[in-house]
């Protein structure tokens, strides 16, 4: 899973194998080693309708409805992801979820 930060946008991008793992397990995690420690990030599938972004400077978790991910999977191999605008700490951030439809290697 890749996580990209760009101004007021966060983009979570998974490949086909990771998408199946997310749907099977209900969550997917990743980590990046930094000089000050490890930054952890995750996607958790939830029942309901709302996307939620929780965390701090050491960890970040996107909680998104399972039905949104299932709907997106049904639309593959679309290059378009799904996105929501989330208000947090007085600011607004666009959160995107995308599936890399290229052939999975290895």
N, C-alpha and C. Protein backbone atom coordinates (compact mmCIF):
# COMPACT_ATOMS: atom_id res chain seq x y z
N UNK A 1 0.85 -1.17 0.00
CA UNK A 1 0.00 0.00 0.00
C UNK A 1 0.90 1.23 0.00
N UNK A 2 0.52 2.19 -0.79
CA UNK A 2 1.23 3.46 -0.82
C UNK A 2 0.35 4.55 -0.23
N UNK A 3 0.97 5.47 0.47
CA UNK A 3 0.27 6.63 1.01
C UNK A 3 1.01 7.86 0.51
N UNK A 4 0.29 8.75 -0.15
CA UNK A 4 0.90 9.96 -0.69
C UNK A 4 0.25 11.19 -0.06
N UNK A 5 1.09 12.12 0.37
CA UNK A 5 0.65 13.40 0.91
C UNK A 5 0.87 14.46 -0.15
N UNK A 6 -0.13 15.29 -0.39
CA UNK A 6 0.01 16.38 -1.36
C UNK A 6 -0.90 17.52 -0.91
N UNK A 7 -0.32 18.57 -0.36
CA UNK A 7 -1.07 19.71 0.18
C UNK A 7 -2.19 19.24 1.07
N UNK A 8 -3.43 19.43 0.66
CA UNK A 8 -4.59 19.05 1.47
C UNK A 8 -5.22 17.76 0.96
N UNK A 9 -4.40 16.86 0.42
CA UNK A 9 -4.90 15.59 -0.12
C UNK A 9 -4.06 14.43 0.40
N UNK A 10 -4.73 13.37 0.81
CA UNK A 10 -4.08 12.11 1.16
C UNK A 10 -4.57 11.07 0.16
N UNK A 11 -3.65 10.30 -0.39
CA UNK A 11 -4.03 9.28 -1.36
C UNK A 11 -3.52 7.92 -0.88
N UNK A 12 -4.45 7.02 -0.62
CA UNK A 12 -4.14 5.64 -0.29
C UNK A 12 -4.28 4.84 -1.59
N UNK A 13 -3.22 4.13 -1.98
CA UNK A 13 -3.24 3.38 -3.23
C UNK A 13 -2.82 1.94 -2.95
N UNK A 14 -3.64 0.99 -3.40
CA UNK A 14 -3.37 -0.42 -3.18
C UNK A 14 -3.33 -1.13 -4.53
N UNK A 15 -2.68 -2.30 -4.57
CA UNK A 15 -2.72 -3.11 -5.78
C UNK A 15 -3.84 -4.15 -5.62
N UNK A 16 -4.04 -4.97 -6.63
CA UNK A 16 -5.15 -5.93 -6.63
C UNK A 16 -5.02 -6.94 -5.48
N UNK A 17 -3.84 -7.41 -5.21
CA UNK A 17 -3.63 -8.38 -4.13
C UNK A 17 -3.96 -7.73 -2.77
N UNK A 18 -3.52 -6.49 -2.58
CA UNK A 18 -3.81 -5.78 -1.33
C UNK A 18 -5.30 -5.50 -1.19
N UNK A 19 -5.98 -5.23 -2.30
CA UNK A 19 -7.42 -5.01 -2.26
C UNK A 19 -8.13 -6.27 -1.76
N UNK A 20 -7.73 -7.42 -2.27
CA UNK A 20 -8.32 -8.68 -1.81
C UNK A 20 -8.02 -8.92 -0.33
N UNK A 21 -6.81 -8.58 0.10
CA UNK A 21 -6.44 -8.72 1.52
C UNK A 21 -7.30 -7.79 2.38
N UNK A 22 -7.49 -6.55 1.94
CA UNK A 22 -8.31 -5.59 2.67
C UNK A 22 -9.74 -6.10 2.81
N UNK A 23 -10.31 -6.59 1.73
CA UNK A 23 -11.68 -7.09 1.78
C UNK A 23 -11.79 -8.36 2.62
N UNK A 24 -10.77 -9.20 2.58
CA UNK A 24 -10.79 -10.44 3.34
C UNK A 24 -10.58 -10.25 4.83
N UNK A 25 -9.64 -9.38 5.19
CA UNK A 25 -9.28 -9.17 6.60
C UNK A 25 -10.00 -8.00 7.25
N UNK A 26 -10.52 -7.10 6.43
CA UNK A 26 -11.17 -5.92 6.97
C UNK A 26 -10.22 -4.79 7.29
N UNK A 27 -8.91 -5.03 7.08
CA UNK A 27 -7.93 -3.96 7.32
C UNK A 27 -6.66 -4.24 6.53
N UNK A 28 -5.88 -3.21 6.37
CA UNK A 28 -4.60 -3.28 5.68
C UNK A 28 -3.69 -2.27 6.34
N UNK A 29 -2.45 -2.66 6.63
CA UNK A 29 -1.53 -1.76 7.32
C UNK A 29 -0.23 -1.59 6.54
N UNK A 30 0.43 -0.47 6.81
CA UNK A 30 1.73 -0.19 6.23
C UNK A 30 2.55 0.61 7.22
N UNK A 31 3.85 0.70 6.96
CA UNK A 31 4.73 1.44 7.86
C UNK A 31 5.91 1.99 7.06
N UNK A 32 6.41 3.13 7.49
CA UNK A 32 7.58 3.75 6.89
C UNK A 32 8.53 4.15 8.01
N UNK A 33 9.78 3.73 7.89
CA UNK A 33 10.79 4.10 8.90
C UNK A 33 11.28 5.51 8.63
N UNK A 34 11.29 6.31 9.68
CA UNK A 34 11.76 7.69 9.62
C UNK A 34 12.85 7.87 10.66
N UNK A 35 13.66 8.92 10.56
CA UNK A 35 14.71 9.13 11.56
C UNK A 35 14.19 9.19 13.00
N UNK A 36 12.97 9.71 13.19
CA UNK A 36 12.44 9.85 14.55
C UNK A 36 11.61 8.66 14.99
N UNK A 37 11.48 7.64 14.15
CA UNK A 37 10.69 6.47 14.50
C UNK A 37 9.93 5.94 13.30
N UNK A 38 8.96 5.12 13.54
CA UNK A 38 8.18 4.50 12.47
C UNK A 38 6.82 5.17 12.37
N UNK A 39 6.47 5.56 11.15
CA UNK A 39 5.14 6.11 10.87
C UNK A 39 4.27 4.97 10.35
N UNK A 40 3.15 4.72 11.01
CA UNK A 40 2.26 3.62 10.64
C UNK A 40 0.97 4.19 10.05
N UNK A 41 0.44 3.48 9.06
CA UNK A 41 -0.81 3.90 8.44
C UNK A 41 -1.64 2.66 8.13
N UNK A 42 -2.96 2.85 8.09
CA UNK A 42 -3.85 1.71 7.91
C UNK A 42 -5.16 2.14 7.28
N UNK A 43 -5.83 1.16 6.68
CA UNK A 43 -7.21 1.30 6.24
C UNK A 43 -8.01 0.26 6.99
N UNK A 44 -9.12 0.66 7.56
CA UNK A 44 -10.02 -0.26 8.24
C UNK A 44 -11.40 -0.13 7.62
N UNK A 45 -11.98 -1.25 7.24
CA UNK A 45 -13.32 -1.23 6.68
C UNK A 45 -14.34 -1.26 7.82
N UNK A 46 -15.36 -0.42 7.69
CA UNK A 46 -16.39 -0.32 8.72
C UNK A 46 -17.76 -0.43 8.06
N UNK A 47 -18.74 -0.79 8.87
CA UNK A 47 -20.12 -0.76 8.40
C UNK A 47 -20.60 0.67 8.55
N UNK A 48 -21.53 1.08 7.75
CA UNK A 48 -22.03 2.44 7.82
C UNK A 48 -21.72 3.20 6.56
N UNK A 49 -21.81 4.52 6.64
CA UNK A 49 -21.71 5.37 5.46
C UNK A 49 -20.57 6.38 5.50
N UNK A 50 -19.97 6.61 6.64
CA UNK A 50 -19.04 7.73 6.79
C UNK A 50 -17.57 7.30 6.75
N UNK A 51 -16.78 8.13 6.09
CA UNK A 51 -15.33 7.98 6.11
C UNK A 51 -14.82 8.75 7.31
N UNK A 52 -13.76 8.26 7.93
CA UNK A 52 -13.18 8.93 9.09
C UNK A 52 -11.66 8.78 9.02
N UNK A 53 -10.97 9.83 9.35
CA UNK A 53 -9.52 9.84 9.40
C UNK A 53 -9.11 10.11 10.83
N UNK A 54 -8.38 9.18 11.43
CA UNK A 54 -7.95 9.34 12.83
C UNK A 54 -6.46 9.09 12.93
N UNK A 55 -5.84 9.70 13.93
CA UNK A 55 -4.42 9.47 14.15
C UNK A 55 -3.71 10.69 14.66
N UNK A 56 -2.38 10.60 14.59
CA UNK A 56 -1.52 11.68 15.04
C UNK A 56 -0.26 11.67 14.19
N UNK A 57 0.82 12.27 14.69
CA UNK A 57 2.05 12.37 13.89
C UNK A 57 2.78 11.04 13.73
N UNK A 58 2.38 10.03 14.46
CA UNK A 58 3.04 8.71 14.38
C UNK A 58 2.20 7.66 13.66
N UNK A 59 0.89 7.90 13.58
CA UNK A 59 0.03 6.91 12.95
C UNK A 59 -1.21 7.57 12.35
N UNK A 60 -1.73 6.95 11.32
CA UNK A 60 -2.89 7.48 10.61
C UNK A 60 -3.75 6.31 10.18
N UNK A 61 -5.04 6.41 10.41
CA UNK A 61 -5.94 5.35 10.02
C UNK A 61 -7.13 5.93 9.27
N UNK A 62 -7.39 5.36 8.10
CA UNK A 62 -8.58 5.70 7.33
C UNK A 62 -9.62 4.64 7.60
N UNK A 63 -10.77 5.05 8.10
CA UNK A 63 -11.90 4.15 8.29
C UNK A 63 -12.90 4.48 7.20
N UNK A 64 -13.20 3.48 6.38
CA UNK A 64 -14.11 3.72 5.26
C UNK A 64 -15.10 2.57 5.14
N UNK A 65 -16.29 2.86 4.62
CA UNK A 65 -17.32 1.83 4.51
C UNK A 65 -16.92 0.70 3.56
N UNK A 66 -17.15 -0.52 4.01
CA UNK A 66 -16.89 -1.70 3.18
C UNK A 66 -17.64 -1.60 1.86
N UNK A 67 -18.88 -1.11 1.90
CA UNK A 67 -19.67 -1.05 0.67
C UNK A 67 -19.05 -0.12 -0.37
N UNK A 68 -18.37 0.93 0.06
CA UNK A 68 -17.69 1.82 -0.90
C UNK A 68 -16.56 1.07 -1.61
N UNK A 69 -15.81 0.26 -0.85
CA UNK A 69 -14.70 -0.49 -1.44
C UNK A 69 -15.24 -1.58 -2.37
N UNK A 70 -16.29 -2.26 -1.96
CA UNK A 70 -16.90 -3.28 -2.82
C UNK A 70 -17.44 -2.66 -4.11
N UNK A 71 -18.07 -1.50 -4.00
CA UNK A 71 -18.57 -0.81 -5.19
C UNK A 71 -17.44 -0.40 -6.12
N UNK A 72 -16.35 0.06 -5.55
CA UNK A 72 -15.19 0.44 -6.36
C UNK A 72 -14.58 -0.77 -7.04
N UNK A 73 -14.48 -1.88 -6.32
CA UNK A 73 -13.93 -3.10 -6.90
C UNK A 73 -14.76 -3.54 -8.11
N UNK A 74 -16.08 -3.40 -8.01
CA UNK A 74 -16.96 -3.79 -9.11
C UNK A 74 -16.76 -2.92 -10.34
N UNK A 75 -16.22 -1.71 -10.16
CA UNK A 75 -16.02 -0.81 -11.29
C UNK A 75 -14.65 -0.97 -11.95
N UNK A 76 -13.79 -1.81 -11.38
CA UNK A 76 -12.45 -2.01 -11.94
C UNK A 76 -12.55 -2.71 -13.28
N UNK A 77 -11.70 -2.40 -14.23
CA UNK A 77 -10.41 -1.74 -14.11
C UNK A 77 -10.43 -0.23 -14.33
N UNK A 78 -11.33 0.47 -13.73
CA UNK A 78 -11.38 1.92 -13.81
C UNK A 78 -10.12 2.53 -13.21
N UNK A 79 -9.58 3.54 -13.85
CA UNK A 79 -8.42 4.25 -13.30
C UNK A 79 -8.82 5.29 -12.26
N UNK A 80 -10.11 5.58 -12.20
CA UNK A 80 -10.60 6.55 -11.23
C UNK A 80 -10.72 5.91 -9.86
N UNK A 81 -10.33 6.64 -8.85
CA UNK A 81 -10.50 6.17 -7.49
C UNK A 81 -11.79 6.71 -6.90
N UNK A 82 -11.92 6.60 -5.60
CA UNK A 82 -13.05 7.21 -4.91
C UNK A 82 -12.47 8.20 -3.90
N UNK A 83 -13.21 9.26 -3.64
CA UNK A 83 -12.69 10.31 -2.77
C UNK A 83 -13.80 10.90 -1.92
N UNK A 84 -13.40 11.37 -0.78
CA UNK A 84 -14.30 12.08 0.12
C UNK A 84 -13.54 13.25 0.74
N UNK A 85 -14.27 14.27 1.10
CA UNK A 85 -13.69 15.40 1.82
C UNK A 85 -14.01 15.22 3.30
N UNK A 86 -12.98 15.31 4.12
CA UNK A 86 -13.12 15.10 5.55
C UNK A 86 -12.67 16.35 6.28
N UNK A 87 -13.46 16.80 7.24
CA UNK A 87 -13.10 17.94 8.07
C UNK A 87 -12.48 17.41 9.36
N UNK A 88 -11.29 17.93 9.67
CA UNK A 88 -10.59 17.48 10.87
C UNK A 88 -9.74 18.62 11.42
N UNK A 89 -9.77 18.81 12.72
CA UNK A 89 -8.97 19.85 13.38
C UNK A 89 -9.14 21.22 12.75
N UNK A 90 -10.35 21.53 12.34
CA UNK A 90 -10.64 22.84 11.77
C UNK A 90 -10.22 23.00 10.32
N UNK A 91 -9.67 21.95 9.72
CA UNK A 91 -9.26 22.01 8.33
C UNK A 91 -10.00 20.97 7.50
N UNK A 92 -9.80 21.05 6.20
CA UNK A 92 -10.45 20.13 5.28
C UNK A 92 -9.37 19.39 4.49
N UNK A 93 -9.54 18.09 4.37
CA UNK A 93 -8.59 17.29 3.61
C UNK A 93 -9.38 16.37 2.67
N UNK A 94 -8.89 16.24 1.45
CA UNK A 94 -9.47 15.29 0.52
C UNK A 94 -8.73 13.97 0.70
N UNK A 95 -9.49 12.90 0.89
CA UNK A 95 -8.91 11.57 1.05
C UNK A 95 -9.34 10.73 -0.15
N UNK A 96 -8.34 10.15 -0.83
CA UNK A 96 -8.60 9.35 -2.03
C UNK A 96 -8.18 7.90 -1.77
N UNK A 97 -8.95 6.97 -2.34
CA UNK A 97 -8.63 5.55 -2.31
C UNK A 97 -8.59 5.08 -3.76
N UNK A 98 -7.45 4.51 -4.15
CA UNK A 98 -7.27 4.08 -5.53
C UNK A 98 -6.72 2.66 -5.57
N UNK A 99 -7.05 1.95 -6.64
CA UNK A 99 -6.51 0.61 -6.87
C UNK A 99 -5.67 0.65 -8.13
N UNK A 100 -4.42 0.23 -8.01
CA UNK A 100 -3.53 0.14 -9.16
C UNK A 100 -3.96 -1.08 -9.97
N UNK A 101 -4.45 -0.85 -11.16
CA UNK A 101 -4.99 -1.95 -11.97
C UNK A 101 -3.93 -2.62 -12.83
N UNK A 102 -2.69 -2.20 -12.71
CA UNK A 102 -1.60 -2.86 -13.44
C UNK A 102 -1.40 -4.26 -12.91
N UNK A 103 -0.72 -5.09 -13.70
CA UNK A 103 -0.44 -6.46 -13.29
C UNK A 103 0.39 -6.47 -12.01
N UNK A 104 -0.02 -7.29 -11.06
CA UNK A 104 0.71 -7.43 -9.80
C UNK A 104 1.96 -8.25 -10.04
N UNK A 105 3.09 -7.74 -9.57
CA UNK A 105 4.38 -8.45 -9.73
C UNK A 105 4.70 -9.23 -8.47
N UNK A 106 5.42 -10.33 -8.69
CA UNK A 106 5.98 -11.09 -7.58
C UNK A 106 4.95 -11.75 -6.78
